[in-house]
């Protein structure tokens, strides 16, 4: 049988308060903005850029139609003729962060064709560039969020109760 000795008789009361404070912080997500900023900057934006650079992943986007090709320069990237859509899709203002959630959208009217391609609307083939389905993206997001949780635990739980 294992025995645990507590040098400080108030240690359990202190630990209980620390755990309560941690629970309140996690519930309120008062400090989660930094984690979402990191997810956006270190995972989401680079992933969207890579989707444009590779013209789709894991599957390649459907080629441009002959009509589009007849109106465009001879060598163009799918959805990347001028780079404006890629820049708009990766702009920080596309991301809205509120406490415990991050959403993507808020497209300007002049970039209406971004969501049209991303969702495949109106007969336009879907060329999804906003997707986090690659295992490496999910792993990175999980690591960032776990670092945030560990930081919250370290901020709230006293490590020494002697």
C-alpha atoms as a PDB file:
ATOM      1  CA  UNK A   1       0.000   0.000   0.000  1.00  0.00           C
ATOM      2  CA  UNK A   2       1.358   3.396  -0.980  1.00  0.00           C
ATOM      3  CA  UNK A   3       1.248   6.272   1.477  1.00  0.00           C
ATOM      4  CA  UNK A   4       1.358   9.922   0.523  1.00  0.00           C
ATOM      5  CA  UNK A   5       2.684  12.390   3.037  1.00  0.00           C
ATOM      6  CA  UNK A   6       1.606  16.012   2.786  1.00  0.00           C
ATOM      7  CA  UNK A   7       3.991  18.366   4.570  1.00  0.00           C
ATOM      8  CA  UNK A   8       1.595  21.318   4.402  1.00  0.00           C
ATOM      9  CA  UNK A   9      -1.811  20.574   5.967  1.00  0.00           C
ATOM     10  CA  UNK A  10      -3.358  23.328   3.822  1.00  0.00           C
ATOM     11  CA  UNK A  11      -2.021  21.799   0.588  1.00  0.00           C
ATOM     12  CA  UNK A  12      -5.291  20.123  -0.386  1.00  0.00           C
ATOM     13  CA  UNK A  13      -7.272  23.310   0.198  1.00  0.00           C
ATOM     14  CA  UNK A  14      -4.733  25.293  -1.867  1.00  0.00           C
ATOM     15  CA  UNK A  15      -4.783  22.677  -4.623  1.00  0.00           C
ATOM     16  CA  UNK A  16      -8.579  22.706  -4.635  1.00  0.00           C
ATOM     17  CA  UNK A  17      -8.583  26.509  -5.083  1.00  0.00           C
ATOM     18  CA  UNK A  18      -5.974  26.241  -7.846  1.00  0.00           C
ATOM     19  CA  UNK A  19      -8.054  23.646  -9.692  1.00  0.00           C
ATOM     20  CA  UNK A  20     -11.168  25.814  -9.321  1.00  0.00           C
ATOM     21  CA  UNK A  21      -9.275  28.814 -10.754  1.00  0.00           C
ATOM     22  CA  UNK A  22      -7.986  26.647 -13.622  1.00  0.00           C
ATOM     23  CA  UNK A  23     -11.528  25.462 -14.340  1.00  0.00           C
ATOM     24  CA  UNK A  24     -12.808  29.049 -14.386  1.00  0.00           C
ATOM     25  CA  UNK A  25     -10.012  30.132 -16.735  1.00  0.00           C
ATOM     26  CA  UNK A  26     -10.601  27.193 -19.075  1.00  0.00           C
ATOM     27  CA  UNK A  27     -14.358  27.774 -19.051  1.00  0.00           C
ATOM     28  CA  UNK A  28     -13.933  31.476 -19.753  1.00  0.00           C
ATOM     29  CA  UNK A  29     -11.088  30.964 -22.230  1.00  0.00           C
ATOM     30  CA  UNK A  30      -9.831  34.375 -21.216  1.00  0.00           C
ATOM     31  CA  UNK A  31      -6.364  33.748 -22.579  1.00  0.00           C
ATOM     32  CA  UNK A  32      -7.181  31.600 -25.598  1.00  0.00           C
ATOM     33  CA  UNK A  33      -6.783  34.427 -28.129  1.00  0.00           C
ATOM     34  CA  UNK A  34      -3.035  33.803 -28.275  1.00  0.00           C
ATOM     35  CA  UNK A  35      -3.563  30.108 -29.068  1.00  0.00           C
ATOM     36  CA  UNK A  36      -6.001  30.918 -31.885  1.00  0.00           C
ATOM     37  CA  UNK A  37      -3.608  33.551 -33.244  1.00  0.00           C
ATOM     38  CA  UNK A  38      -0.894  30.875 -33.381  1.00  0.00           C
ATOM     39  CA  UNK A  39      -3.239  28.356 -35.055  1.00  0.00           C
ATOM     40  CA  UNK A  40      -4.152  30.976 -37.683  1.00  0.00           C
ATOM     41  CA  UNK A  41      -0.565  32.165 -38.286  1.00  0.00           C
ATOM     42  CA  UNK A  42       1.342  28.880 -37.957  1.00  0.00           C
ATOM     43  CA  UNK A  43      -1.140  26.381 -39.414  1.00  0.00           C
ATOM     44  CA  UNK A  44      -4.182  27.783 -41.210  1.00  0.00           C
ATOM     45  CA  UNK A  45      -2.601  30.503 -43.348  1.00  0.00           C
ATOM     46  CA  UNK A  46       0.400  28.364 -44.403  1.00  0.00           C
ATOM     47  CA  UNK A  47      -1.966  25.456 -45.180  1.00  0.00           C
ATOM     48  CA  UNK A  48      -4.190  27.641 -47.393  1.00  0.00           C
ATOM     49  CA  UNK A  49      -1.089  28.989 -49.171  1.00  0.00           C
ATOM     50  CA  UNK A  50       0.120  25.438 -49.778  1.00  0.00           C
ATOM     51  CA  UNK A  51      -3.285  24.460 -51.163  1.00  0.00           C
ATOM     52  CA  UNK A  52      -2.966  27.277 -53.709  1.00  0.00           C
ATOM     53  CA  UNK A  53       0.692  26.446 -54.496  1.00  0.00           C
ATOM     54  CA  UNK A  54      -0.071  22.756 -55.061  1.00  0.00           C
ATOM     55  CA  UNK A  55      -3.400  23.507 -56.795  1.00  0.00           C
ATOM     56  CA  UNK A  56      -5.251  21.275 -54.382  1.00  0.00           C
ATOM     57  CA  UNK A  57      -4.347  18.707 -51.776  1.00  0.00           C
ATOM     58  CA  UNK A  58      -4.616  15.899 -51.293  1.00  0.00           C
ATOM     59  CA  UNK A  59      -6.402  15.828 -54.666  1.00  0.00           C
ATOM     60  CA  UNK A  60      -5.611  18.222 -57.506  1.00  0.00           C
ATOM     61  CA  UNK A  61      -8.256  20.777 -58.421  1.00  0.00           C
ATOM     62  CA  UNK A  62     -10.265  20.279 -61.578  1.00  0.00           C
ATOM     63  CA  UNK A  63      -8.568  22.004 -64.537  1.00  0.00           C
ATOM     64  CA  UNK A  64      -9.800  25.352 -65.807  1.00  0.00           C
ATOM     65  CA  UNK A  65     -12.465  25.287 -68.478  1.00  0.00           C
ATOM     66  CA  UNK A  66     -11.529  25.986 -72.128  1.00  0.00           C
ATOM     67  CA  UNK A  67     -13.533  29.244 -71.916  1.00  0.00           C
ATOM     68  CA  UNK A  68     -11.473  30.430 -68.938  1.00  0.00           C
ATOM     69  CA  UNK A  69      -8.249  29.378 -70.623  1.00  0.00           C
ATOM     70  CA  UNK A  70      -9.167  31.277 -73.805  1.00  0.00           C
ATOM     71  CA  UNK A  71      -9.509  34.508 -71.783  1.00  0.00           C
ATOM     72  CA  UNK A  72      -6.412  34.034 -69.656  1.00  0.00           C
ATOM     73  CA  UNK A  73      -2.657  34.160 -70.193  1.00  0.00           C
ATOM     74  CA  UNK A  74      -1.121  31.024 -71.688  1.00  0.00           C
ATOM     75  CA  UNK A  75       0.509  29.836 -68.439  1.00  0.00           C
ATOM     76  CA  UNK A  76      -1.636  30.447 -65.402  1.00  0.00           C
ATOM     77  CA  UNK A  77      -2.130  28.650 -62.159  1.00  0.00           C
ATOM     78  CA  UNK A  78      -5.595  27.520 -61.266  1.00  0.00           C
ATOM     79  CA  UNK A  79      -7.132  30.321 -59.141  1.00  0.00           C
ATOM     80  CA  UNK A  80      -3.761  32.052 -59.083  1.00  0.00           C
ATOM     81  CA  UNK A  81      -3.649  34.279 -62.169  1.00  0.00           C
ATOM     82  CA  UNK A  82      -2.759  37.471 -60.274  1.00  0.00           C
ATOM     83  CA  UNK A  83      -2.241  36.146 -56.750  1.00  0.00           C
ATOM     84  CA  UNK A  84      -5.014  38.400 -55.446  1.00  0.00           C
ATOM     85  CA  UNK A  85      -7.316  35.545 -54.462  1.00  0.00           C
ATOM     86  CA  UNK A  86      -4.504  33.747 -52.651  1.00  0.00           C
ATOM     87  CA  UNK A  87      -3.578  36.941 -50.780  1.00  0.00           C
ATOM     88  CA  UNK A  88      -7.219  37.585 -49.916  1.00  0.00           C
ATOM     89  CA  UNK A  89      -7.787  33.985 -48.798  1.00  0.00           C
ATOM     90  CA  UNK A  90      -4.791  34.142 -46.459  1.00  0.00           C
ATOM     91  CA  UNK A  91      -5.468  37.612 -45.034  1.00  0.00           C
ATOM     92  CA  UNK A  92      -5.765  37.694 -41.256  1.00  0.00           C
ATOM     93  CA  UNK A  93      -9.025  39.627 -41.616  1.00  0.00           C
ATOM     94  CA  UNK A  94     -10.660  36.461 -43.045  1.00  0.00           C
ATOM     95  CA  UNK A  95     -10.366  34.980 -39.544  1.00  0.00           C
ATOM     96  CA  UNK A  96     -12.573  36.064 -36.672  1.00  0.00           C
ATOM     97  CA  UNK A  97     -11.477  35.052 -33.192  1.00  0.00           C
ATOM     98  CA  UNK A  98     -13.889  35.335 -30.272  1.00  0.00           C
ATOM     99  CA  UNK A  99     -12.845  33.785 -26.961  1.00  0.00           C
ATOM    100  CA  UNK A 100     -13.026  30.046 -27.592  1.00  0.00           C
ATOM    101  CA  UNK A 101     -13.700  29.910 -31.326  1.00  0.00           C
ATOM    102  CA  UNK A 102     -12.222  30.937 -34.616  1.00  0.00           C
ATOM    103  CA  UNK A 103     -14.275  31.292 -37.790  1.00  0.00           C
ATOM    104  CA  UNK A 104     -13.256  31.920 -41.373  1.00  0.00           C
ATOM    105  CA  UNK A 105     -15.049  34.079 -43.917  1.00  0.00           C
ATOM    106  CA  UNK A 106     -15.877  37.778 -44.151  1.00  0.00           C
ATOM    107  CA  UNK A 107     -15.023  37.944 -47.847  1.00  0.00           C
ATOM    108  CA  UNK A 108     -15.054  41.353 -49.555  1.00  0.00           C
ATOM    109  CA  UNK A 109     -17.568  41.690 -52.398  1.00  0.00           C
ATOM    110  CA  UNK A 110     -14.805  42.090 -54.982  1.00  0.00           C
ATOM    111  CA  UNK A 111     -13.552  38.565 -54.115  1.00  0.00           C
ATOM    112  CA  UNK A 112     -16.956  36.890 -54.471  1.00  0.00           C
ATOM    113  CA  UNK A 113     -15.402  34.151 -56.604  1.00  0.00           C
ATOM    114  CA  UNK A 114     -13.313  32.851 -53.674  1.00  0.00           C
ATOM    115  CA  UNK A 115     -16.197  31.205 -51.821  1.00  0.00           C
ATOM    116  CA  UNK A 116     -17.759  30.201 -55.170  1.00  0.00           C
ATOM    117  CA  UNK A 117     -14.697  28.059 -55.948  1.00  0.00           C
ATOM    118  CA  UNK A 118     -14.103  26.925 -52.365  1.00  0.00           C
ATOM    119  CA  UNK A 119     -17.659  25.585 -52.039  1.00  0.00           C
ATOM    120  CA  UNK A 120     -18.269  24.755 -55.720  1.00  0.00           C
ATOM    121  CA  UNK A 121     -21.351  26.930 -56.247  1.00  0.00           C
ATOM    122  CA  UNK A 122     -23.364  27.755 -59.351  1.00  0.00           C
ATOM    123  CA  UNK A 123     -21.928  24.994 -61.504  1.00  0.00           C
ATOM    124  CA  UNK A 124     -18.323  26.035 -60.798  1.00  0.00           C
ATOM    125  CA  UNK A 125     -16.208  23.013 -59.863  1.00  0.00           C
ATOM    126  CA  UNK A 126     -15.175  22.913 -56.229  1.00  0.00           C
ATOM    127  CA  UNK A 127     -11.552  23.901 -55.810  1.00  0.00           C
ATOM    128  CA  UNK A 128     -11.345  23.815 -52.057  1.00  0.00           C
ATOM    129  CA  UNK A 129      -8.499  25.850 -50.638  1.00  0.00           C
ATOM    130  CA  UNK A 130      -9.769  26.386 -47.077  1.00  0.00           C
ATOM    131  CA  UNK A 131      -9.538  22.952 -45.560  1.00  0.00           C
ATOM    132  CA  UNK A 132      -7.710  21.499 -42.637  1.00  0.00           C
ATOM    133  CA  UNK A 133      -7.893  17.805 -43.354  1.00  0.00           C
ATOM    134  CA  UNK A 134      -4.233  17.090 -43.786  1.00  0.00           C
ATOM    135  CA  UNK A 135      -2.915  15.049 -40.844  1.00  0.00           C
ATOM    136  CA  UNK A 136       0.022  17.422 -40.369  1.00  0.00           C
ATOM    137  CA  UNK A 137      -2.355  20.381 -39.931  1.00  0.00           C
ATOM    138  CA  UNK A 138      -4.475  18.566 -37.357  1.00  0.00           C
ATOM    139  CA  UNK A 139      -1.348  17.489 -35.486  1.00  0.00           C
ATOM    140  CA  UNK A 140       0.026  21.041 -35.395  1.00  0.00           C
ATOM    141  CA  UNK A 141      -3.289  22.475 -34.207  1.00  0.00           C
ATOM    142  CA  UNK A 142      -3.464  19.834 -31.476  1.00  0.00           C
ATOM    143  CA  UNK A 143       0.082  20.635 -30.361  1.00  0.00           C
ATOM    144  CA  UNK A 144      -0.629  24.371 -30.146  1.00  0.00           C
ATOM    145  CA  UNK A 145      -3.822  23.830 -28.163  1.00  0.00           C
ATOM    146  CA  UNK A 146      -2.101  21.334 -25.828  1.00  0.00           C
ATOM    147  CA  UNK A 147       0.661  23.893 -25.193  1.00  0.00           C
ATOM    148  CA  UNK A 148      -2.068  26.376 -24.272  1.00  0.00           C
ATOM    149  CA  UNK A 149      -3.687  23.917 -21.850  1.00  0.00           C
ATOM    150  CA  UNK A 150      -0.300  23.098 -20.287  1.00  0.00           C
ATOM    151  CA  UNK A 151       0.410  26.803 -19.909  1.00  0.00           C
ATOM    152  CA  UNK A 152      -2.965  27.302 -18.221  1.00  0.00           C
ATOM    153  CA  UNK A 153      -2.242  24.432 -15.819  1.00  0.00           C
ATOM    154  CA  UNK A 154       1.215  25.826 -15.050  1.00  0.00           C
ATOM    155  CA  UNK A 155      -0.213  29.300 -14.406  1.00  0.00           C
ATOM    156  CA  UNK A 156      -2.927  28.061 -12.090  1.00  0.00           C
ATOM    157  CA  UNK A 157      -1.568  25.051 -10.210  1.00  0.00           C
ATOM    158  CA  UNK A 158       1.103  25.634  -7.621  1.00  0.00           C
ATOM    159  CA  UNK A 159       3.773  23.021  -8.077  1.00  0.00           C
ATOM    160  CA  UNK A 160       5.052  23.071  -4.496  1.00  0.00           C
ATOM    161  CA  UNK A 161       2.865  22.823  -1.414  1.00  0.00           C
ATOM    162  CA  UNK A 162       5.513  22.297   1.233  1.00  0.00           C
END
